[in-house]
C-alpha atoms as a PDB file:
ATOM      1  CA  MET A   1     146.510 -16.448-148.353  1.00  0.00           C
ATOM      2  CA  SER A   2     142.992 -18.319-149.429  1.00  0.00           C
ATOM      3  CA  LEU A   3     144.335 -18.028-153.164  1.00  0.00           C
ATOM      4  CA  ILE A   4     147.956 -19.441-151.990  1.00  0.00           C
ATOM      5  CA  LEU A   5     146.000 -22.794-151.013  1.00  0.00           C
ATOM      6  CA  VAL A   6     144.082 -23.366-153.025  1.00  0.00           C
ATOM      7  CA  LEU A   7     146.269 -22.483-156.007  1.00  0.00           C
ATOM      8  CA  PRO A   8     147.454 -26.372-155.226  1.00  0.00           C
ATOM      9  CA  ALA A   9     144.506 -27.319-156.644  1.00  0.00           C
ATOM     10  CA  ILE A  10     143.643 -24.515-159.409  1.00  0.00           C
ATOM     11  CA  ILE A  11     147.049 -25.955-161.120  1.00  0.00           C
ATOM     12  CA  LEU A  12     145.830 -29.872-160.468  1.00  0.00           C
ATOM     13  CA  VAL A  13     142.161 -28.721-162.233  1.00  0.00           C
ATOM     14  CA  ILE A  14     144.015 -26.833-165.169  1.00  0.00           C
ATOM     15  CA  LEU A  15     146.441 -29.790-165.663  1.00  0.00           C
ATOM     16  CA  VAL A  16     143.806 -32.926-165.357  1.00  0.00           C
ATOM     17  CA  PHE A  17     140.995 -30.821-166.881  1.00  0.00           C
ATOM     18  CA  VAL A  18     141.543 -27.396-168.997  1.00  0.00           C
ATOM     19  CA  PHE A  19     143.881 -28.155-171.057  1.00  0.00           C
ATOM     20  CA  PRO A  20     143.364 -31.545-172.517  1.00  0.00           C
ATOM     21  CA  LEU A  21     139.556 -30.157-173.397  1.00  0.00           C
ATOM     22  CA  ILE A  22     141.893 -27.009-174.890  1.00  0.00           C
ATOM     23  CA  ARG A  23     143.804 -29.816-176.943  1.00  0.00           C
ATOM     24  CA  TYR A  24     141.227 -31.341-177.786  1.00  0.00           C
ATOM     25  CA  ALA A  25     139.078 -27.915-179.272  1.00  0.00           C
ATOM     26  CA  TRP A  26     142.226 -27.447-181.499  1.00  0.00           C
ATOM     27  CA  LEU A  27     142.562 -30.996-182.973  1.00  0.00           C
ATOM     28  CA  SER A  28     139.210 -30.115-184.142  1.00  0.00           C
ATOM     29  CA  PHE A  29     139.614 -28.205-185.722  1.00  0.00           C
ATOM     30  CA  HIS A  30     142.608 -29.855-187.312  1.00  0.00           C
ATOM     31  CA  ALA A  31     143.147 -33.544-189.593  1.00  0.00           C
ATOM     32  CA  VAL A  32     145.848 -35.852-187.282  1.00  0.00           C
ATOM     33  CA  SER A  33     145.003 -38.847-189.427  1.00  0.00           C
ATOM     34  CA  VAL A  34     147.022 -41.914-191.610  1.00  0.00           C
ATOM     35  CA  SER A  35     146.249 -39.729-194.955  1.00  0.00           C
ATOM     36  CA  THR A  36     147.671 -36.695-193.364  1.00  0.00           C
ATOM     37  CA  GLY A  37     150.594 -38.554-192.012  1.00  0.00           C
ATOM     38  CA  LEU A  38     149.691 -37.899-188.287  1.00  0.00           C
ATOM     39  CA  VAL A  39     150.460 -34.819-189.297  1.00  0.00           C
ATOM     40  CA  MET A  40     148.153 -31.997-187.915  1.00  0.00           C
ATOM     41  CA  VAL A  41     146.958 -29.830-190.983  1.00  0.00           C
ATOM     42  CA  PRO A  42     144.508 -27.257-190.565  1.00  0.00           C
ATOM     43  CA  ASN A  43     140.527 -28.324-191.928  1.00  0.00           C
ATOM     44  CA  PHE A  44     139.264 -25.044-190.665  1.00  0.00           C
ATOM     45  CA  GLY A  45     136.019 -27.247-189.355  1.00  0.00           C
ATOM     46  CA  ALA A  46     135.416 -29.924-192.303  1.00  0.00           C
ATOM     47  CA  ASN A  47     135.304 -32.440-188.638  1.00  0.00           C
ATOM     48  CA  TRP A  48     132.238 -30.332-187.282  1.00  0.00           C
ATOM     49  CA  SER A  49     130.555 -30.897-190.979  1.00  0.00           C
ATOM     50  CA  ARG A  50     130.959 -34.574-190.876  1.00  0.00           C
ATOM     51  CA  LEU A  51     129.647 -35.132-187.056  1.00  0.00           C
ATOM     52  CA  ILE A  52     126.517 -33.111-188.342  1.00  0.00           C
ATOM     53  CA  GLU A  53     126.852 -35.898-190.766  1.00  0.00           C
ATOM     54  CA  ASP A  54     127.412 -39.075-189.460  1.00  0.00           C
ATOM     55  CA  GLN A  55     123.960 -41.014-188.488  1.00  0.00           C
ATOM     56  CA  ARG A  56     126.657 -42.700-186.666  1.00  0.00           C
ATOM     57  CA  PHE A  57     127.266 -40.917-184.645  1.00  0.00           C
ATOM     58  CA  TRP A  58     123.141 -39.646-184.228  1.00  0.00           C
ATOM     59  CA  GLN A  59     122.560 -43.372-183.439  1.00  0.00           C
ATOM     60  CA  ASP A  60     125.293 -43.574-180.840  1.00  0.00           C
ATOM     61  CA  LEU A  61     124.251 -40.179-179.382  1.00  0.00           C
ATOM     62  CA  MET A  62     120.538 -41.718-178.864  1.00  0.00           C
ATOM     63  CA  GLN A  63     122.107 -45.127-177.482  1.00  0.00           C
ATOM     64  CA  THR A  64     124.034 -42.853-175.440  1.00  0.00           C
ATOM     65  CA  THR A  65     121.322 -41.191-173.801  1.00  0.00           C
ATOM     66  CA  ARG A  66     119.074 -44.048-173.585  1.00  0.00           C
ATOM     67  CA  PHE A  67     121.129 -45.762-171.438  1.00  0.00           C
ATOM     68  CA  THR A  68     122.428 -42.833-169.187  1.00  0.00           C
ATOM     69  CA  ALA A  69     118.437 -42.439-168.926  1.00  0.00           C
ATOM     70  CA  PHE A  70     117.158 -45.527-168.167  1.00  0.00           C
ATOM     71  CA  SER A  71     120.408 -46.570-165.778  1.00  0.00           C
ATOM     72  CA  VAL A  72     120.483 -43.517-163.904  1.00  0.00           C
ATOM     73  CA  THR A  73     116.767 -43.135-163.315  1.00  0.00           C
ATOM     74  CA  LEU A  74     116.558 -46.846-162.133  1.00  0.00           C
ATOM     75  CA  GLU A  75     119.551 -46.439-160.183  1.00  0.00           C
ATOM     76  CA  ILE A  76     118.008 -43.185-158.455  1.00  0.00           C
ATOM     77  CA  ILE A  77     114.881 -44.881-158.137  1.00  0.00           C
ATOM     78  CA  LEU A  78     116.740 -48.136-156.377  1.00  0.00           C
ATOM     79  CA  ALA A  79     118.850 -46.289-154.374  1.00  0.00           C
ATOM     80  CA  ILE A  80     115.996 -44.449-152.282  1.00  0.00           C
ATOM     81  CA  ALA A  81     114.347 -47.420-151.580  1.00  0.00           C
ATOM     82  CA  ILE A  82     118.113 -48.783-149.938  1.00  0.00           C
ATOM     83  CA  ALA A  83     119.406 -45.779-148.386  1.00  0.00           C
ATOM     84  CA  LEU A  84     115.889 -46.434-146.330  1.00  0.00           C
ATOM     85  CA  LEU A  85     116.112 -49.856-145.628  1.00  0.00           C
ATOM     86  CA  LEU A  86     119.952 -49.280-144.328  1.00  0.00           C
ATOM     87  CA  ASP A  87     119.025 -45.797-142.313  1.00  0.00           C
ATOM     88  CA  GLN A  88     116.591 -48.212-140.028  1.00  0.00           C
ATOM     89  CA  ARG A  89     117.902 -49.324-136.188  1.00  0.00           C
ATOM     90  CA  TRP A  90     118.575 -53.331-137.257  1.00  0.00           C
ATOM     91  CA  ASN A  91     121.131 -56.414-135.900  1.00  0.00           C
ATOM     92  CA  GLY A  92     123.463 -57.225-138.629  1.00  0.00           C
ATOM     93  CA  ARG A  93     122.716 -52.814-140.480  1.00  0.00           C
ATOM     94  CA  GLY A  94     126.676 -52.414-140.324  1.00  0.00           C
ATOM     95  CA  ILE A  95     127.425 -56.085-142.020  1.00  0.00           C
ATOM     96  CA  ILE A  96     124.668 -55.814-144.623  1.00  0.00           C
ATOM     97  CA  ARG A  97     125.975 -51.522-145.486  1.00  0.00           C
ATOM     98  CA  ALA A  98     129.422 -53.820-146.038  1.00  0.00           C
ATOM     99  CA  ILE A  99     128.610 -55.996-148.879  1.00  0.00           C
ATOM    100  CA  THR A 100     126.421 -53.613-150.808  1.00  0.00           C
ATOM    101  CA  ILE A 101     128.606 -51.086-151.091  1.00  0.00           C
ATOM    102  CA  LEU A 102     130.809 -53.946-153.311  1.00  0.00           C
ATOM    103  CA  PRO A 103     130.000 -53.882-156.000  1.00  0.00           C
ATOM    104  CA  TRP A 104     130.769 -50.527-156.079  1.00  0.00           C
ATOM    105  CA  ALA A 105     134.044 -51.983-155.026  1.00  0.00           C
ATOM    106  CA  LEU A 106     134.190 -54.351-158.090  1.00  0.00           C
ATOM    107  CA  PRO A 107     136.684 -53.166-161.117  1.00  0.00           C
ATOM    108  CA  THR A 108     134.123 -52.281-163.730  1.00  0.00           C
ATOM    109  CA  THR A 109     136.270 -54.786-166.608  1.00  0.00           C
ATOM    110  CA  ILE A 110     135.670 -58.108-164.026  1.00  0.00           C
ATOM    111  CA  MET A 111     132.263 -56.922-163.418  1.00  0.00           C
ATOM    112  CA  ALA A 112     131.085 -56.732-167.013  1.00  0.00           C
ATOM    113  CA  LEU A 113     133.269 -59.925-168.042  1.00  0.00           C
ATOM    114  CA  GLY A 114     131.036 -61.647-165.210  1.00  0.00           C
ATOM    115  CA  TRP A 115     127.893 -60.020-166.222  1.00  0.00           C
ATOM    116  CA  ARG A 116     128.707 -61.411-169.932  1.00  0.00           C
ATOM    117  CA  TRP A 117     128.881 -64.639-168.947  1.00  0.00           C
ATOM    118  CA  ILE A 118     125.605 -64.234-166.973  1.00  0.00           C
ATOM    119  CA  PHE A 119     123.854 -63.986-169.668  1.00  0.00           C
ATOM    120  CA  ASN A 120     126.046 -66.258-172.006  1.00  0.00           C
ATOM    121  CA  THR A 121     124.235 -68.111-174.679  1.00  0.00           C
ATOM    122  CA  PRO A 122     123.556 -71.532-173.740  1.00  0.00           C
ATOM    123  CA  TYR A 123     126.079 -71.665-170.549  1.00  0.00           C
ATOM    124  CA  GLY A 124     125.320 -68.829-169.086  1.00  0.00           C
ATOM    125  CA  PRO A 125     122.764 -68.800-165.559  1.00  0.00           C
ATOM    126  CA  ILE A 126     120.146 -66.391-167.156  1.00  0.00           C
ATOM    127  CA  GLU A 127     119.982 -69.206-170.400  1.00  0.00           C
ATOM    128  CA  GLN A 128     119.950 -71.926-167.716  1.00  0.00           C
ATOM    129  CA  LEU A 129     117.229 -69.792-166.092  1.00  0.00           C
ATOM    130  CA  THR A 130     114.736 -69.480-169.409  1.00  0.00           C
ATOM    131  CA  GLN A 131     115.040 -73.373-170.467  1.00  0.00           C
ATOM    132  CA  LEU A 132     113.102 -74.356-167.383  1.00  0.00           C
ATOM    133  CA  PHE A 133     110.366 -72.099-168.466  1.00  0.00           C
ATOM    134  CA  GLY A 134     111.081 -73.398-171.871  1.00  0.00           C
ATOM    135  CA  ILE A 135     112.128 -70.523-173.572  1.00  0.00           C
ATOM    136  CA  GLU A 136     115.215 -71.831-175.561  1.00  0.00           C
ATOM    137  CA  TYR A 137     118.432 -69.704-177.161  1.00  0.00           C
ATOM    138  CA  LEU A 138     117.473 -66.576-175.394  1.00  0.00           C
ATOM    139  CA  ASN A 139     120.483 -65.187-176.424  1.00  0.00           C
ATOM    140  CA  LEU A 140     119.815 -61.579-174.807  1.00  0.00           C
ATOM    141  CA  LEU A 141     123.950 -60.034-176.046  1.00  0.00           C
ATOM    142  CA  SER A 142     122.640 -60.953-179.857  1.00  0.00           C
ATOM    143  CA  ILE A 143     119.500 -59.690-180.403  1.00  0.00           C
ATOM    144  CA  PRO A 144     120.303 -55.441-181.114  1.00  0.00           C
ATOM    145  CA  LYS A 145     116.925 -54.409-179.385  1.00  0.00           C
ATOM    146  CA  TYR A 146     117.403 -56.421-176.448  1.00  0.00           C
ATOM    147  CA  THR A 147     121.417 -56.452-176.119  1.00  0.00           C
ATOM    148  CA  TRP A 148     121.581 -52.689-174.944  1.00  0.00           C
ATOM    149  CA  ILE A 149     119.324 -53.711-171.620  1.00  0.00           C
ATOM    150  CA  THR A 150     121.902 -56.563-170.585  1.00  0.00           C
ATOM    151  CA  THR A 151     123.999 -53.090-170.137  1.00  0.00           C
ATOM    152  CA  VAL A 152     121.478 -50.933-168.003  1.00  0.00           C
ATOM    153  CA  ILE A 153     121.184 -54.273-165.863  1.00  0.00           C
ATOM    154  CA  ALA A 154     124.797 -54.930-165.205  1.00  0.00           C
ATOM    155  CA  ASP A 155     125.584 -50.852-164.797  1.00  0.00           C
ATOM    156  CA  VAL A 156     122.317 -49.879-162.279  1.00  0.00           C
ATOM    157  CA  TRP A 157     123.830 -53.745-160.517  1.00  0.00           C
ATOM    158  CA  LYS A 158     127.846 -51.641-159.808  1.00  0.00           C
ATOM    159  CA  THR A 159     126.326 -47.966-159.431  1.00  0.00           C
ATOM    160  CA  THR A 160     123.268 -48.325-157.782  1.00  0.00           C
ATOM    161  CA  PRO A 161     125.339 -48.254-153.844  1.00  0.00           C
ATOM    162  CA  PHE A 162     127.068 -45.601-154.654  1.00  0.00           C
ATOM    163  CA  VAL A 163     123.655 -43.617-155.037  1.00  0.00           C
ATOM    164  CA  ALA A 164     122.603 -45.259-151.711  1.00  0.00           C
ATOM    165  CA  LEU A 165     125.587 -44.455-149.953  1.00  0.00           C
ATOM    166  CA  ILE A 166     124.654 -40.396-150.800  1.00  0.00           C
ATOM    167  CA  ILE A 167     121.642 -40.690-150.076  1.00  0.00           C
ATOM    168  CA  LEU A 168     121.990 -42.233-147.013  1.00  0.00           C
ATOM    169  CA  ALA A 169     124.603 -39.603-145.906  1.00  0.00           C
ATOM    170  CA  GLY A 170     121.367 -36.765-146.815  1.00  0.00           C
ATOM    171  CA  LEU A 171     119.292 -39.316-144.572  1.00  0.00           C
ATOM    172  CA  GLN A 172     121.136 -39.248-141.640  1.00  0.00           C
ATOM    173  CA  SER A 173     121.533 -35.495-141.899  1.00  0.00           C
ATOM    174  CA  ILE A 174     117.645 -35.097-140.349  1.00  0.00           C
ATOM    175  CA  PRO A 175     117.858 -34.809-137.282  1.00  0.00           C
ATOM    176  CA  ASN A 176     115.238 -37.200-135.447  1.00  0.00           C
ATOM    177  CA  ASP A 177     113.024 -34.471-133.504  1.00  0.00           C
ATOM    178  CA  LEU A 178     111.169 -33.758-137.133  1.00  0.00           C
ATOM    179  CA  TYR A 179     109.791 -37.423-136.780  1.00  0.00           C
ATOM    180  CA  GLU A 180     109.452 -36.992-133.915  1.00  0.00           C
ATOM    181  CA  ALA A 181     106.861 -34.112-134.019  1.00  0.00           C
ATOM    182  CA  PHE A 182     105.642 -34.973-136.917  1.00  0.00           C
ATOM    183  CA  ARG A 183     104.322 -37.866-135.740  1.00  0.00           C
ATOM    184  CA  LEU A 184     102.866 -36.097-132.578  1.00  0.00           C
ATOM    185  CA  GLU A 185     100.612 -34.284-134.840  1.00  0.00           C
ATOM    186  CA  GLY A 186      99.337 -37.167-136.063  1.00  0.00           C
ATOM    187  CA  GLY A 187     101.538 -38.197-139.036  1.00  0.00           C
ATOM    188  CA  ASN A 188     102.428 -41.382-140.462  1.00  0.00           C
ATOM    189  CA  SER A 189     105.730 -43.138-141.717  1.00  0.00           C
ATOM    190  CA  LEU A 190     104.265 -42.261-145.434  1.00  0.00           C
ATOM    191  CA  GLN A 191     103.184 -38.714-144.834  1.00  0.00           C
ATOM    192  CA  ALA A 192     106.445 -38.501-142.693  1.00  0.00           C
ATOM    193  CA  LEU A 193     108.305 -39.658-146.275  1.00  0.00           C
ATOM    194  CA  LYS A 194     106.756 -37.516-148.421  1.00  0.00           C
ATOM    195  CA  LYS A 195     106.466 -34.631-145.787  1.00  0.00           C
ATOM    196  CA  ILE A 196     110.172 -34.298-144.225  1.00  0.00           C
ATOM    197  CA  THR A 197     112.731 -36.960-145.835  1.00  0.00           C
ATOM    198  CA  LEU A 198     112.076 -36.321-149.866  1.00  0.00           C
ATOM    199  CA  PRO A 199     112.478 -32.995-148.919  1.00  0.00           C
ATOM    200  CA  LEU A 200     115.447 -32.586-147.000  1.00  0.00           C
ATOM    201  CA  ILE A 201     117.389 -35.329-149.698  1.00  0.00           C
ATOM    202  CA  GLN A 202     116.634 -33.109-152.461  1.00  0.00           C
ATOM    203  CA  PRO A 203     119.994 -31.776-152.447  1.00  0.00           C
ATOM    204  CA  TYR A 204     121.680 -34.748-152.459  1.00  0.00           C
ATOM    205  CA  ILE A 205     120.093 -36.679-154.911  1.00  0.00           C
ATOM    206  CA  LEU A 206     120.562 -34.038-156.641  1.00  0.00           C
ATOM    207  CA  ILE A 207     124.011 -34.748-156.283  1.00  0.00           C
ATOM    208  CA  ALA A 208     123.454 -38.351-156.689  1.00  0.00           C
ATOM    209  CA  LEU A 209     121.987 -37.415-160.275  1.00  0.00           C
ATOM    210  CA  LEU A 210     124.851 -35.296-162.087  1.00  0.00           C
ATOM    211  CA  PHE A 211     127.645 -37.904-161.040  1.00  0.00           C
ATOM    212  CA  ARG A 212     125.229 -40.192-162.413  1.00  0.00           C
ATOM    213  CA  VAL A 213     124.761 -38.544-165.569  1.00  0.00           C
ATOM    214  CA  ALA A 214     127.890 -37.667-165.909  1.00  0.00           C
ATOM    215  CA  GLN A 215     129.578 -41.205-165.580  1.00  0.00           C
ATOM    216  CA  ALA A 216     126.524 -43.316-167.867  1.00  0.00           C
ATOM    217  CA  PHE A 217     126.982 -40.622-169.814  1.00  0.00           C
ATOM    218  CA  GLY A 218     130.837 -40.922-170.417  1.00  0.00           C
ATOM    219  CA  VAL A 219     130.567 -45.107-170.675  1.00  0.00           C
ATOM    220  CA  PHE A 220     132.798 -46.632-172.244  1.00  0.00           C
ATOM    221  CA  ASP A 221     134.250 -50.318-170.445  1.00  0.00           C
ATOM    222  CA  LEU A 222     131.536 -51.605-169.652  1.00  0.00           C
ATOM    223  CA  ILE A 223     130.124 -51.197-172.860  1.00  0.00           C
ATOM    224  CA  GLN A 224     133.686 -52.116-174.134  1.00  0.00           C
ATOM    225  CA  VAL A 225     133.902 -55.146-172.455  1.00  0.00           C
ATOM    226  CA  MET A 226     130.487 -57.103-172.223  1.00  0.00           C
ATOM    227  CA  THR A 227     128.946 -56.066-176.311  1.00  0.00           C
ATOM    228  CA  GLY A 228     132.181 -54.715-177.898  1.00  0.00           C
ATOM    229  CA  GLY A 229     129.638 -51.744-179.131  1.00  0.00           C
ATOM    230  CA  GLY A 230     127.676 -54.884-180.515  1.00  0.00           C
ATOM    231  CA  PRO A 231     126.288 -56.201-182.306  1.00  0.00           C
ATOM    232  CA  ALA A 232     126.160 -54.324-185.339  1.00  0.00           C
ATOM    233  CA  THR A 233     126.594 -50.926-183.109  1.00  0.00           C
ATOM    234  CA  SER A 234     123.192 -51.277-181.372  1.00  0.00           C
ATOM    235  CA  THR A 235     125.265 -50.584-178.593  1.00  0.00           C
ATOM    236  CA  GLU A 236     128.194 -48.636-179.442  1.00  0.00           C
ATOM    237  CA  SER A 237     128.292 -45.240-177.185  1.00  0.00           C
ATOM    238  CA  LEU A 238     129.751 -42.101-178.281  1.00  0.00           C
ATOM    239  CA  ALA A 239     133.812 -42.507-176.044  1.00  0.00           C
ATOM    240  CA  LEU A 240     133.550 -45.762-177.365  1.00  0.00           C
ATOM    241  CA  TYR A 241     132.667 -44.145-180.769  1.00  0.00           C
ATOM    242  CA  SER A 242     135.486 -42.226-180.079  1.00  0.00           C
ATOM    243  CA  TYR A 243     137.929 -44.526-179.139  1.00  0.00           C
ATOM    244  CA  LEU A 244     137.546 -46.828-182.619  1.00  0.00           C
ATOM    245  CA  ASN A 245     138.338 -43.322-184.175  1.00  0.00           C
ATOM    246  CA  ALA A 246     141.167 -42.553-182.654  1.00  0.00           C
ATOM    247  CA  MET A 247     142.572 -46.842-181.956  1.00  0.00           C
ATOM    248  CA  ARG A 248     140.915 -48.456-185.158  1.00  0.00           C
ATOM    249  CA  PHE A 249     141.309 -45.542-187.747  1.00  0.00           C
ATOM    250  CA  LEU A 250     143.490 -43.556-186.483  1.00  0.00           C
ATOM    251  CA  ASP A 251     141.688 -40.203-186.941  1.00  0.00           C
ATOM    252  CA  PHE A 252     142.156 -38.413-184.366  1.00  0.00           C
ATOM    253  CA  GLY A 253     140.887 -34.885-185.353  1.00  0.00           C
ATOM    254  CA  TYR A 254     137.754 -36.227-185.856  1.00  0.00           C
ATOM    255  CA  SER A 255     138.130 -38.593-182.865  1.00  0.00           C
ATOM    256  CA  ALA A 256     139.455 -35.447-180.701  1.00  0.00           C
ATOM    257  CA  THR A 257     135.507 -33.935-182.000  1.00  0.00           C
ATOM    258  CA  ILE A 258     133.082 -36.789-180.448  1.00  0.00           C
ATOM    259  CA  MET A 259     134.671 -35.942-177.299  1.00  0.00           C
ATOM    260  CA  LEU A 260     134.263 -32.569-177.679  1.00  0.00           C
ATOM    261  CA  ALA A 261     130.245 -32.629-178.994  1.00  0.00           C
ATOM    262  CA  SER A 262     129.310 -35.677-176.361  1.00  0.00           C
ATOM    263  CA  PHE A 263     131.377 -32.692-173.541  1.00  0.00           C
ATOM    264  CA  LEU A 264     129.074 -30.127-174.541  1.00  0.00           C
ATOM    265  CA  LEU A 265     125.918 -32.102-175.161  1.00  0.00           C
ATOM    266  CA  LEU A 266     127.094 -33.594-171.486  1.00  0.00           C
ATOM    267  CA  MET A 267     127.000 -30.265-170.387  1.00  0.00           C
ATOM    268  CA  ILE A 268     123.739 -28.954-171.800  1.00  0.00           C
ATOM    269  CA  ILE A 269     121.693 -32.214-169.953  1.00  0.00           C
ATOM    270  CA  SER A 270     123.952 -31.309-166.113  1.00  0.00           C
ATOM    271  CA  ILE A 271     122.746 -27.633-166.537  1.00  0.00           C
ATOM    272  CA  THR A 272     119.220 -28.937-167.412  1.00  0.00           C
ATOM    273  CA  SER A 273     118.622 -31.147-165.148  1.00  0.00           C
ATOM    274  CA  TYR A 274     120.182 -29.184-162.209  1.00  0.00           C
ATOM    275  CA  ILE A 275     117.954 -26.137-163.331  1.00  0.00           C
ATOM    276  CA  LEU A 276     114.868 -28.592-163.142  1.00  0.00           C
ATOM    277  CA  LEU A 277     115.470 -29.989-160.097  1.00  0.00           C
ATOM    278  CA  LYS A 278     116.052 -27.099-158.277  1.00  0.00           C
ATOM    279  CA  ARG A 279     112.914 -25.661-159.607  1.00  0.00           C
ATOM    280  CA  LEU A 280     111.272 -28.834-158.632  1.00  0.00           C
ATOM    281  CA  ARG A 281     112.539 -28.142-155.698  1.00  0.00           C
ATOM    282  CA  LEU A 282     111.114 -24.855-154.932  1.00  0.00           C
ATOM    283  CA  LEU A 283     108.075 -26.013-156.373  1.00  0.00           C
ATOM    284  CA  THR A 284     107.554 -28.983-153.262  1.00  0.00           C
ATOM    285  CA  VAL A 285     109.082 -26.716-150.193  1.00  0.00           C
ATOM    286  CA  LYS A 286     106.020 -24.526-151.342  1.00  0.00           C
END
């Protein structure tokens, strides 16, 4: 009976996840491009050999990893602070909670267009602000070593509310009796944060971390709209590189290889993060 109840969910997972994954794996061992007349031709792993030697792939991997590491780390730190604030009892808390969620509710494309205008030179507000301090033509969107920072800022602004909501749910699951008993024993607020709050919300932090690592590592629309992967591919992500191979160069076999390699790398990163955080949690409990 239980199998019948979960059968629709199993079928849905197979259709939207397992089948495309198998399709990508099959395509990665075939050449499907303009040179083959878009006909699937077995190439016996040539796509994977090309991937290993592709310097642009490794560059995009480093850039995607850098983007993921910085954005997710900042989001977790800011989300904990915001969730702690929203968990307190004060007038207007409900209104502030509703406003806080607005950045996450906005479509990524609209948000990215807004941030591209904010960092625009010479008309954006960032450029106008820097000119007040005597800095002219900052032009962050055209300097390769700085442009990736703008994408991190935009991503943190949009997705921190999502992480804060998850952590806030964890905070509200902690009984107030624990804090009252801790205060009776002479503990202060900072000690309560360290001894009670942070250990008990670690499972929620782990959930938020895994969600955000998966989303950030597969970033596409934010990069495509804000920078288009430029300047000089300095902000190009793996997802964008795969998209360009498929839609611009019509090399579907190699595009599938990039996507499958990205998925395998993401699995390794997610499992490693999970194991490390579980061990950290056990050490904290001890």
